[in-house]
């Protein structure tokens, strides 16, 4: 039987970055300071901010900071969360969609890179869905965790544990970039090699077959 492999997506120049972050501010004042810096940094680089469309928490901070610094802001929010997250009317474009599937699909398709700031369960879900999309070749966009005071230590330990236990492969784990400085992390994301590993090299069942012979 002849096997046909689909060609991997071709990386595109980064003109917009989707930011995943919390709709709360969190306990550490450093979280809000981080979001403020990210908004300013994206605006300084002329990169469009794509985010969840909320006007509260870190979402509100990053969007207002980008806009105040002269940046372009695209918000994508569900009808349900339009009131709960107080959809920010200051966006250059505020897209209201029926549900979370449509929201996540647009958050992924409207940008060429993803930046994850501290957040809760929704932020984790967005990170993992986007990360898995990169692993299986659905998109070629780099993903960066912007850390504040070790917030992402438990998450990274979980990723490492999956590799150690044979449920994930090092090639896949290496795709998640992590840094404490927004400018440096964006630079690293932009330098990500254009030739990403083939999805086959990152899927756990292939590593398992190699190990067991």
Protein backbone atom coordinates (compact mmCIF):
# COMPACT_ATOMS: atom_id res chain seq x y z
CA UNK A 1 0.00 0.00 0.00
CA UNK A 2 1.34 3.39 -0.98
CA UNK A 3 1.47 5.91 1.81
CA UNK A 4 0.93 9.59 1.11
CA UNK A 5 2.13 12.23 3.55
CA UNK A 6 0.59 15.65 3.53
CA UNK A 7 3.21 18.41 3.29
CA UNK A 8 3.63 20.34 6.57
CA UNK A 9 2.26 23.89 6.73
CA UNK A 10 4.70 26.52 5.51
CA UNK A 11 5.76 29.06 8.19
CA UNK A 12 4.64 32.61 7.47
CA UNK A 13 6.18 35.90 8.44
CA UNK A 14 4.92 36.97 11.85
CA UNK A 15 2.69 40.03 11.58
CA UNK A 16 0.24 39.16 14.37
CA UNK A 17 0.58 37.31 17.66
CA UNK A 18 -2.24 35.70 19.60
CA UNK A 19 -1.92 36.21 23.34
CA UNK A 20 -3.56 33.77 25.73
CA UNK A 21 -3.94 35.07 29.29
CA UNK A 22 -6.27 35.26 32.26
CA UNK A 23 -9.50 37.21 32.62
CA UNK A 24 -8.36 37.87 36.21
CA UNK A 25 -5.33 39.81 37.39
CA UNK A 26 -4.01 37.13 39.73
CA UNK A 27 -2.42 37.70 43.13
CA UNK A 28 1.05 38.69 41.96
CA UNK A 29 1.31 42.31 40.73
CA UNK A 30 4.01 41.06 38.38
CA UNK A 31 1.38 39.38 36.20
CA UNK A 32 -0.26 42.68 35.32
CA UNK A 33 3.11 44.34 34.80
CA UNK A 34 4.01 41.52 32.41
CA UNK A 35 0.80 41.96 30.41
CA UNK A 36 1.40 45.69 30.20
CA UNK A 37 4.90 45.15 28.83
CA UNK A 38 3.65 42.66 26.26
CA UNK A 39 1.08 45.10 24.91
CA UNK A 40 3.67 47.83 24.56
CA UNK A 41 6.21 45.48 23.00
CA UNK A 42 3.80 44.23 20.35
CA UNK A 43 2.87 47.79 19.47
CA UNK A 44 6.52 48.83 19.31
CA UNK A 45 7.23 46.05 16.82
CA UNK A 46 4.17 46.82 14.71
CA UNK A 47 2.67 43.41 15.49
CA UNK A 48 -1.09 43.05 15.72
CA UNK A 49 -2.38 41.76 19.05
CA UNK A 50 -5.01 39.04 18.68
CA UNK A 51 -6.64 38.01 21.97
CA UNK A 52 -9.84 36.86 23.63
CA UNK A 53 -11.60 40.23 23.40
CA UNK A 54 -12.16 40.74 27.14
CA UNK A 55 -11.82 44.04 28.93
CA UNK A 56 -10.99 42.72 32.40
CA UNK A 57 -8.04 40.95 34.01
CA UNK A 58 -4.81 40.47 32.12
CA UNK A 59 -6.77 40.46 28.87
CA UNK A 60 -7.89 44.00 29.52
CA UNK A 61 -4.39 45.07 30.53
CA UNK A 62 -2.61 43.70 27.47
CA UNK A 63 -5.19 45.09 25.04
CA UNK A 64 -5.29 48.57 26.52
CA UNK A 65 -1.51 48.72 26.75
CA UNK A 66 -1.14 47.77 23.10
CA UNK A 67 -3.73 50.29 22.01
CA UNK A 68 -2.31 53.07 24.18
CA UNK A 69 1.09 52.45 22.58
CA UNK A 70 -0.35 52.82 19.09
CA UNK A 71 -0.82 49.15 18.28
CA UNK A 72 -3.59 47.30 16.45
CA UNK A 73 -5.87 45.08 18.54
CA UNK A 74 -8.18 42.32 17.34
CA UNK A 75 -10.50 40.79 19.94
CA UNK A 76 -12.42 37.54 19.47
CA UNK A 77 -15.11 36.77 22.02
CA UNK A 78 -18.17 34.55 22.35
CA UNK A 79 -21.70 35.81 22.77
CA UNK A 80 -21.76 34.16 26.21
CA UNK A 81 -18.61 35.89 27.41
CA UNK A 82 -19.34 39.25 25.85
CA UNK A 83 -20.90 40.40 29.11
CA UNK A 84 -19.00 38.15 31.53
CA UNK A 85 -15.60 39.27 30.26
CA UNK A 86 -16.88 42.74 29.43
CA UNK A 87 -15.91 42.71 25.77
CA UNK A 88 -13.58 45.63 25.20
CA UNK A 89 -15.02 48.14 22.76
CA UNK A 90 -11.62 49.76 22.24
CA UNK A 91 -10.51 46.98 19.89
CA UNK A 92 -9.83 47.93 16.29
CA UNK A 93 -11.85 44.84 15.45
CA UNK A 94 -14.08 43.00 17.92
CA UNK A 95 -15.40 39.72 16.52
CA UNK A 96 -18.33 38.13 18.35
CA UNK A 97 -18.78 34.42 17.63
CA UNK A 98 -21.41 31.86 18.73
CA UNK A 99 -19.18 29.57 20.79
CA UNK A 100 -15.74 28.53 21.96
CA UNK A 101 -14.94 26.36 18.95
CA UNK A 102 -15.29 29.32 16.63
CA UNK A 103 -13.39 31.55 19.04
CA UNK A 104 -10.41 29.21 19.33
CA UNK A 105 -10.33 28.59 15.59
CA UNK A 106 -10.08 32.32 14.88
CA UNK A 107 -7.54 32.91 17.65
CA UNK A 108 -5.40 30.31 15.90
CA UNK A 109 -5.95 31.37 12.30
CA UNK A 110 -5.59 35.14 12.75
CA UNK A 111 -1.96 35.00 13.95
CA UNK A 112 1.38 33.41 13.08
CA UNK A 113 2.66 32.94 16.65
CA UNK A 114 1.27 32.40 20.13
CA UNK A 115 2.31 33.98 23.42
CA UNK A 116 0.99 32.51 26.67
CA UNK A 117 0.85 34.64 29.82
CA UNK A 118 -0.30 33.53 33.27
CA UNK A 119 -3.92 32.48 33.34
CA UNK A 120 -6.37 29.87 34.52
CA UNK A 121 -7.99 26.75 33.11
CA UNK A 122 -9.11 28.45 29.91
CA UNK A 123 -5.58 29.64 29.23
CA UNK A 124 -4.22 26.14 29.81
CA UNK A 125 -6.81 24.69 27.43
CA UNK A 126 -5.88 27.19 24.72
CA UNK A 127 -2.20 26.46 25.21
CA UNK A 128 -2.59 22.68 24.95
CA UNK A 129 -4.89 22.80 21.93
CA UNK A 130 -2.52 25.11 20.09
CA UNK A 131 0.52 23.07 21.17
CA UNK A 132 -1.02 19.82 19.93
CA UNK A 133 -1.90 21.58 16.67
CA UNK A 134 1.78 22.38 16.22
CA UNK A 135 2.84 18.81 17.03
CA UNK A 136 0.48 17.19 14.53
CA UNK A 137 1.26 19.70 11.80
CA UNK A 138 -2.01 21.64 11.78
CA UNK A 139 -0.06 24.89 11.87
CA UNK A 140 3.62 25.91 12.00
CA UNK A 141 3.28 28.79 14.47
CA UNK A 142 5.76 29.00 17.38
CA UNK A 143 4.51 29.00 20.98
CA UNK A 144 6.11 30.87 23.85
CA UNK A 145 5.43 30.81 27.59
CA UNK A 146 6.13 34.19 29.16
CA UNK A 147 6.99 33.32 32.73
CA UNK A 148 6.55 35.47 35.83
CA UNK A 149 8.15 34.31 39.09
CA UNK A 150 8.04 30.65 38.06
CA UNK A 151 4.30 30.60 37.30
CA UNK A 152 4.81 28.02 34.57
CA UNK A 153 7.09 25.73 36.59
CA UNK A 154 4.31 23.18 37.28
CA UNK A 155 3.21 23.19 33.63
CA UNK A 156 6.74 22.61 32.37
CA UNK A 157 7.25 19.87 34.95
CA UNK A 158 4.11 18.19 33.63
CA UNK A 159 5.42 18.38 30.05
CA UNK A 160 8.77 16.95 31.14
CA UNK A 161 7.02 14.18 33.07
CA UNK A 162 5.09 13.15 29.96
CA UNK A 163 8.40 12.80 28.10
CA UNK A 164 10.05 10.90 30.94
CA UNK A 165 7.17 8.45 31.10
CA UNK A 166 7.19 7.80 27.35
CA UNK A 167 3.93 9.52 26.45
CA UNK A 168 5.58 12.40 24.60
CA UNK A 169 8.79 12.82 22.66
CA UNK A 170 11.62 15.30 23.28
CA UNK A 171 11.23 16.76 19.76
CA UNK A 172 7.69 17.80 20.62
CA UNK A 173 8.60 19.11 24.08
CA UNK A 174 11.36 21.29 22.59
CA UNK A 175 8.82 23.27 20.58
CA UNK A 176 7.56 25.12 23.67
CA UNK A 177 9.77 28.15 24.21
CA UNK A 178 9.95 29.75 27.66
CA UNK A 179 11.41 33.02 28.86
CA UNK A 180 10.94 35.74 31.45
CA UNK A 181 11.49 38.65 29.06
CA UNK A 182 8.86 39.50 26.44
CA UNK A 183 11.22 41.07 23.91
CA UNK A 184 13.69 38.21 24.11
CA UNK A 185 10.95 35.60 23.84
CA UNK A 186 9.42 37.22 20.76
CA UNK A 187 12.88 37.34 19.17
CA UNK A 188 13.29 33.61 19.84
CA UNK A 189 9.88 32.89 18.36
CA UNK A 190 10.77 34.80 15.23
CA UNK A 191 14.04 32.88 14.89
CA UNK A 192 12.36 29.50 15.14
CA UNK A 193 13.74 27.32 12.37
CA UNK A 194 11.49 27.23 9.32
CA UNK A 195 11.89 23.47 8.91
CA UNK A 196 9.97 22.10 11.88
CA UNK A 197 10.31 18.39 12.64
CA UNK A 198 7.98 16.11 10.71
CA UNK A 199 4.91 15.27 12.82
CA UNK A 200 5.95 11.61 12.67
CA UNK A 201 9.12 12.48 14.59
CA UNK A 202 7.04 13.96 17.40
CA UNK A 203 4.24 11.44 17.83
CA UNK A 204 4.68 9.24 20.92
CA UNK A 205 3.78 5.92 19.29
CA UNK A 206 6.76 6.15 16.96
CA UNK A 207 9.15 6.73 19.84
CA UNK A 208 7.58 3.77 21.66
CA UNK A 209 8.17 1.52 18.66
CA UNK A 210 11.82 2.58 18.47
CA UNK A 211 12.36 1.93 22.18
CA UNK A 212 10.82 -1.54 22.15
CA UNK A 213 12.34 -2.59 18.82
